[in-house]
Amino acid sequence: MQVMVELSLYPLVNDYIGPIKAFIERLNSYSNLTVITCSTSTQVHGDYTEVMQVLGAEMQRTHEEVGQAVFVAKFLNFDAMSSK
């Protein structure tokens, strides 16, 4: 099963741009995922299990490195072939 997650990150620190850029760069390093970045959110498309594992690991890393941060997400399961 495929999933699309629309995700926004709000680091609760004065220098918030750096953690956002780092998070997006890490997401882009996963070749099996499709990552589309917009001005207020990032969409991550891929296999449901893989997307969930990647997001779990990268969100945890952000919390460990930044401290307080808010993630807002929307999840949509879909079959990429039927959405064309």
N, C-alpha and C. Protein backbone atom coordinates (compact mmCIF):
# COMPACT_ATOMS: atom_id res chain seq x y z
N MET A 1 0.84 -1.18 0.00
CA MET A 1 0.00 0.00 0.00
C MET A 1 0.89 1.24 0.00
N GLN A 2 0.44 2.24 -0.72
CA GLN A 2 1.14 3.51 -0.81
C GLN A 2 0.52 4.52 0.16
N VAL A 3 1.33 5.50 0.57
CA VAL A 3 0.84 6.56 1.44
C VAL A 3 1.46 7.88 1.00
N MET A 4 0.70 8.95 1.21
CA MET A 4 1.21 10.30 1.02
C MET A 4 1.02 11.00 2.36
N VAL A 5 2.10 11.58 2.86
CA VAL A 5 2.05 12.31 4.12
C VAL A 5 2.42 13.76 3.83
N GLU A 6 1.55 14.67 4.22
CA GLU A 6 1.85 16.10 4.13
C GLU A 6 2.26 16.53 5.53
N LEU A 7 3.47 17.04 5.64
CA LEU A 7 4.08 17.26 6.94
C LEU A 7 4.61 18.69 7.05
N SER A 8 4.34 19.33 8.18
CA SER A 8 4.90 20.64 8.49
C SER A 8 5.65 20.53 9.80
N LEU A 9 6.80 21.18 9.87
CA LEU A 9 7.66 21.17 11.06
C LEU A 9 7.77 22.58 11.60
N TYR A 10 7.54 22.71 12.90
CA TYR A 10 7.65 24.00 13.59
C TYR A 10 8.60 23.85 14.77
N PRO A 11 9.91 24.05 14.55
CA PRO A 11 10.86 23.98 15.67
C PRO A 11 10.63 25.17 16.60
N LEU A 12 10.57 24.91 17.87
CA LEU A 12 10.34 25.98 18.85
C LEU A 12 11.66 26.54 19.35
N VAL A 13 12.43 27.06 18.38
CA VAL A 13 13.73 27.67 18.65
C VAL A 13 13.83 28.94 17.82
N ASN A 14 14.71 29.85 18.22
CA ASN A 14 14.87 31.11 17.49
C ASN A 14 15.35 30.89 16.05
N ASP A 15 16.34 30.01 15.86
CA ASP A 15 16.86 29.72 14.53
C ASP A 15 16.11 28.50 13.98
N TYR A 16 14.92 28.71 13.48
CA TYR A 16 14.06 27.59 13.06
C TYR A 16 14.31 27.13 11.62
N ILE A 17 14.91 27.96 10.79
CA ILE A 17 15.13 27.60 9.38
C ILE A 17 16.10 26.42 9.25
N GLY A 18 17.18 26.44 10.02
CA GLY A 18 18.19 25.37 9.94
C GLY A 18 17.62 23.99 10.19
N PRO A 19 16.88 23.78 11.28
CA PRO A 19 16.30 22.45 11.52
C PRO A 19 15.31 22.01 10.45
N ILE A 20 14.56 22.95 9.89
CA ILE A 20 13.61 22.60 8.83
C ILE A 20 14.37 22.14 7.59
N LYS A 21 15.38 22.91 7.19
CA LYS A 21 16.18 22.53 6.02
C LYS A 21 16.86 21.18 6.22
N ALA A 22 17.40 20.96 7.40
CA ALA A 22 18.09 19.69 7.69
C ALA A 22 17.12 18.52 7.60
N PHE A 23 15.93 18.69 8.14
CA PHE A 23 14.92 17.63 8.10
C PHE A 23 14.55 17.30 6.65
N ILE A 24 14.31 18.31 5.83
CA ILE A 24 13.96 18.10 4.43
C ILE A 24 15.11 17.45 3.67
N GLU A 25 16.34 17.88 3.91
CA GLU A 25 17.50 17.28 3.25
C GLU A 25 17.61 15.80 3.59
N ARG A 26 17.36 15.46 4.85
CA ARG A 26 17.42 14.04 5.24
C ARG A 26 16.32 13.25 4.55
N LEU A 27 15.12 13.81 4.45
CA LEU A 27 14.05 13.11 3.74
C LEU A 27 14.42 12.87 2.29
N ASN A 28 15.05 13.86 1.67
CA ASN A 28 15.45 13.73 0.26
C ASN A 28 16.55 12.70 0.05
N SER A 29 17.23 12.27 1.09
CA SER A 29 18.30 11.29 0.94
C SER A 29 17.79 9.87 0.77
N TYR A 30 16.50 9.64 0.98
CA TYR A 30 15.91 8.31 0.83
C TYR A 30 15.42 8.15 -0.61
N SER A 31 16.14 7.35 -1.39
CA SER A 31 15.86 7.24 -2.82
C SER A 31 14.52 6.57 -3.13
N ASN A 32 13.99 5.78 -2.23
CA ASN A 32 12.72 5.09 -2.49
C ASN A 32 11.51 5.97 -2.20
N LEU A 33 11.72 7.17 -1.68
CA LEU A 33 10.61 8.07 -1.37
C LEU A 33 10.57 9.22 -2.36
N THR A 34 9.38 9.71 -2.64
CA THR A 34 9.21 10.92 -3.43
C THR A 34 8.92 12.04 -2.44
N VAL A 35 9.72 13.10 -2.50
CA VAL A 35 9.59 14.22 -1.56
C VAL A 35 9.35 15.49 -2.37
N ILE A 36 8.25 16.15 -2.08
CA ILE A 36 7.89 17.41 -2.74
C ILE A 36 7.75 18.47 -1.67
N THR A 37 8.57 19.52 -1.77
CA THR A 37 8.55 20.57 -0.76
C THR A 37 7.84 21.81 -1.30
N CYS A 38 6.90 22.31 -0.52
CA CYS A 38 6.17 23.54 -0.83
C CYS A 38 6.57 24.59 0.20
N SER A 39 5.96 25.75 0.14
CA SER A 39 6.36 26.83 1.05
C SER A 39 6.00 26.56 2.50
N THR A 40 4.94 25.79 2.77
CA THR A 40 4.51 25.57 4.15
C THR A 40 4.50 24.11 4.58
N SER A 41 4.78 23.20 3.65
CA SER A 41 4.74 21.78 4.01
C SER A 41 5.58 20.97 3.03
N THR A 42 5.79 19.73 3.39
CA THR A 42 6.50 18.78 2.54
C THR A 42 5.64 17.54 2.40
N GLN A 43 5.52 17.05 1.17
CA GLN A 43 4.79 15.82 0.91
C GLN A 43 5.78 14.68 0.72
N VAL A 44 5.51 13.58 1.38
CA VAL A 44 6.35 12.38 1.27
C VAL A 44 5.46 11.26 0.75
N HIS A 45 5.86 10.66 -0.39
CA HIS A 45 5.09 9.59 -1.02
C HIS A 45 5.95 8.34 -1.03
N GLY A 46 5.32 7.19 -0.83
CA GLY A 46 6.05 5.93 -0.94
C GLY A 46 5.31 4.79 -0.29
N ASP A 47 6.01 3.66 -0.17
CA ASP A 47 5.46 2.49 0.49
C ASP A 47 5.12 2.84 1.94
N TYR A 48 3.93 2.45 2.37
CA TYR A 48 3.42 2.82 3.69
C TYR A 48 4.41 2.50 4.80
N THR A 49 4.88 1.26 4.83
CA THR A 49 5.78 0.84 5.91
C THR A 49 7.08 1.63 5.89
N GLU A 50 7.64 1.82 4.71
CA GLU A 50 8.91 2.55 4.61
C GLU A 50 8.75 4.02 5.01
N VAL A 51 7.68 4.66 4.54
CA VAL A 51 7.45 6.06 4.89
C VAL A 51 7.31 6.22 6.40
N MET A 52 6.55 5.33 7.02
CA MET A 52 6.34 5.42 8.47
C MET A 52 7.64 5.20 9.24
N GLN A 53 8.49 4.27 8.78
CA GLN A 53 9.76 4.02 9.45
C GLN A 53 10.68 5.23 9.31
N VAL A 54 10.75 5.78 8.10
CA VAL A 54 11.61 6.95 7.86
C VAL A 54 11.13 8.14 8.68
N LEU A 55 9.84 8.42 8.65
CA LEU A 55 9.33 9.56 9.41
C LEU A 55 9.56 9.38 10.91
N GLY A 56 9.35 8.18 11.40
CA GLY A 56 9.59 7.93 12.82
C GLY A 56 11.03 8.21 13.21
N ALA A 57 11.96 7.71 12.41
CA ALA A 57 13.39 7.91 12.70
C ALA A 57 13.79 9.38 12.58
N GLU A 58 13.34 10.03 11.52
CA GLU A 58 13.75 11.42 11.28
C GLU A 58 13.07 12.40 12.23
N MET A 59 11.83 12.13 12.62
CA MET A 59 11.18 12.98 13.61
C MET A 59 11.86 12.83 14.96
N GLN A 60 12.23 11.60 15.33
CA GLN A 60 12.94 11.39 16.59
C GLN A 60 14.27 12.13 16.57
N ARG A 61 14.99 12.03 15.45
CA ARG A 61 16.28 12.73 15.35
C ARG A 61 16.10 14.24 15.51
N THR A 62 15.06 14.78 14.89
CA THR A 62 14.80 16.22 15.02
C THR A 62 14.54 16.58 16.47
N HIS A 63 13.73 15.80 17.16
CA HIS A 63 13.46 16.09 18.58
C HIS A 63 14.73 15.99 19.42
N GLU A 64 15.57 15.02 19.13
CA GLU A 64 16.82 14.86 19.88
C GLU A 64 17.77 16.02 19.63
N GLU A 65 17.84 16.48 18.38
CA GLU A 65 18.79 17.54 18.03
C GLU A 65 18.28 18.94 18.35
N VAL A 66 16.98 19.17 18.19
CA VAL A 66 16.41 20.52 18.32
C VAL A 66 15.80 20.74 19.69
N GLY A 67 15.25 19.68 20.25
CA GLY A 67 14.49 19.83 21.50
C GLY A 67 13.03 19.97 21.15
N GLN A 68 12.41 21.04 21.58
CA GLN A 68 10.99 21.25 21.35
C GLN A 68 10.71 21.54 19.87
N ALA A 69 9.83 20.75 19.28
CA ALA A 69 9.41 20.96 17.89
C ALA A 69 8.04 20.34 17.71
N VAL A 70 7.23 20.97 16.88
CA VAL A 70 5.88 20.49 16.60
C VAL A 70 5.85 19.98 15.16
N PHE A 71 5.31 18.78 14.96
CA PHE A 71 5.06 18.23 13.64
C PHE A 71 3.55 18.18 13.44
N VAL A 72 3.08 18.66 12.30
CA VAL A 72 1.67 18.56 11.94
C VAL A 72 1.62 17.74 10.66
N ALA A 73 0.81 16.67 10.66
CA ALA A 73 0.79 15.77 9.51
C ALA A 73 -0.61 15.37 9.10
N LYS A 74 -0.76 15.13 7.79
CA LYS A 74 -1.97 14.55 7.22
C LYS A 74 -1.54 13.30 6.46
N PHE A 75 -2.29 12.23 6.60
CA PHE A 75 -1.96 10.96 5.97
C PHE A 75 -3.06 10.55 5.00
N LEU A 76 -2.67 10.14 3.80
CA LEU A 76 -3.63 9.66 2.81
C LEU A 76 -3.09 8.37 2.20
N ASN A 77 -3.81 7.27 2.39
CA ASN A 77 -3.38 6.03 1.76
C ASN A 77 -3.98 6.00 0.36
N PHE A 78 -3.20 5.51 -0.61
CA PHE A 78 -3.68 5.46 -1.99
C PHE A 78 -2.85 4.51 -2.81
N ASP A 79 -3.39 4.13 -3.94
CA ASP A 79 -2.67 3.33 -4.92
C ASP A 79 -2.23 4.31 -6.00
N ALA A 80 -0.95 4.46 -6.19
CA ALA A 80 -0.41 5.46 -7.12
C ALA A 80 -0.95 5.24 -8.53
N MET A 81 -1.21 4.02 -8.94
CA MET A 81 -1.70 3.74 -10.29
C MET A 81 -3.15 4.22 -10.46
N SER A 82 -3.98 4.09 -9.43
CA SER A 82 -5.38 4.48 -9.57
C SER A 82 -5.58 5.98 -9.44
N SER A 83 -4.57 6.72 -8.97
CA SER A 83 -4.72 8.17 -8.80
C SER A 83 -4.34 8.94 -10.05
N LYS A 84 -3.93 8.24 -11.11
CA LYS A 84 -3.54 8.93 -12.35
C LYS A 84 -4.73 9.15 -13.25
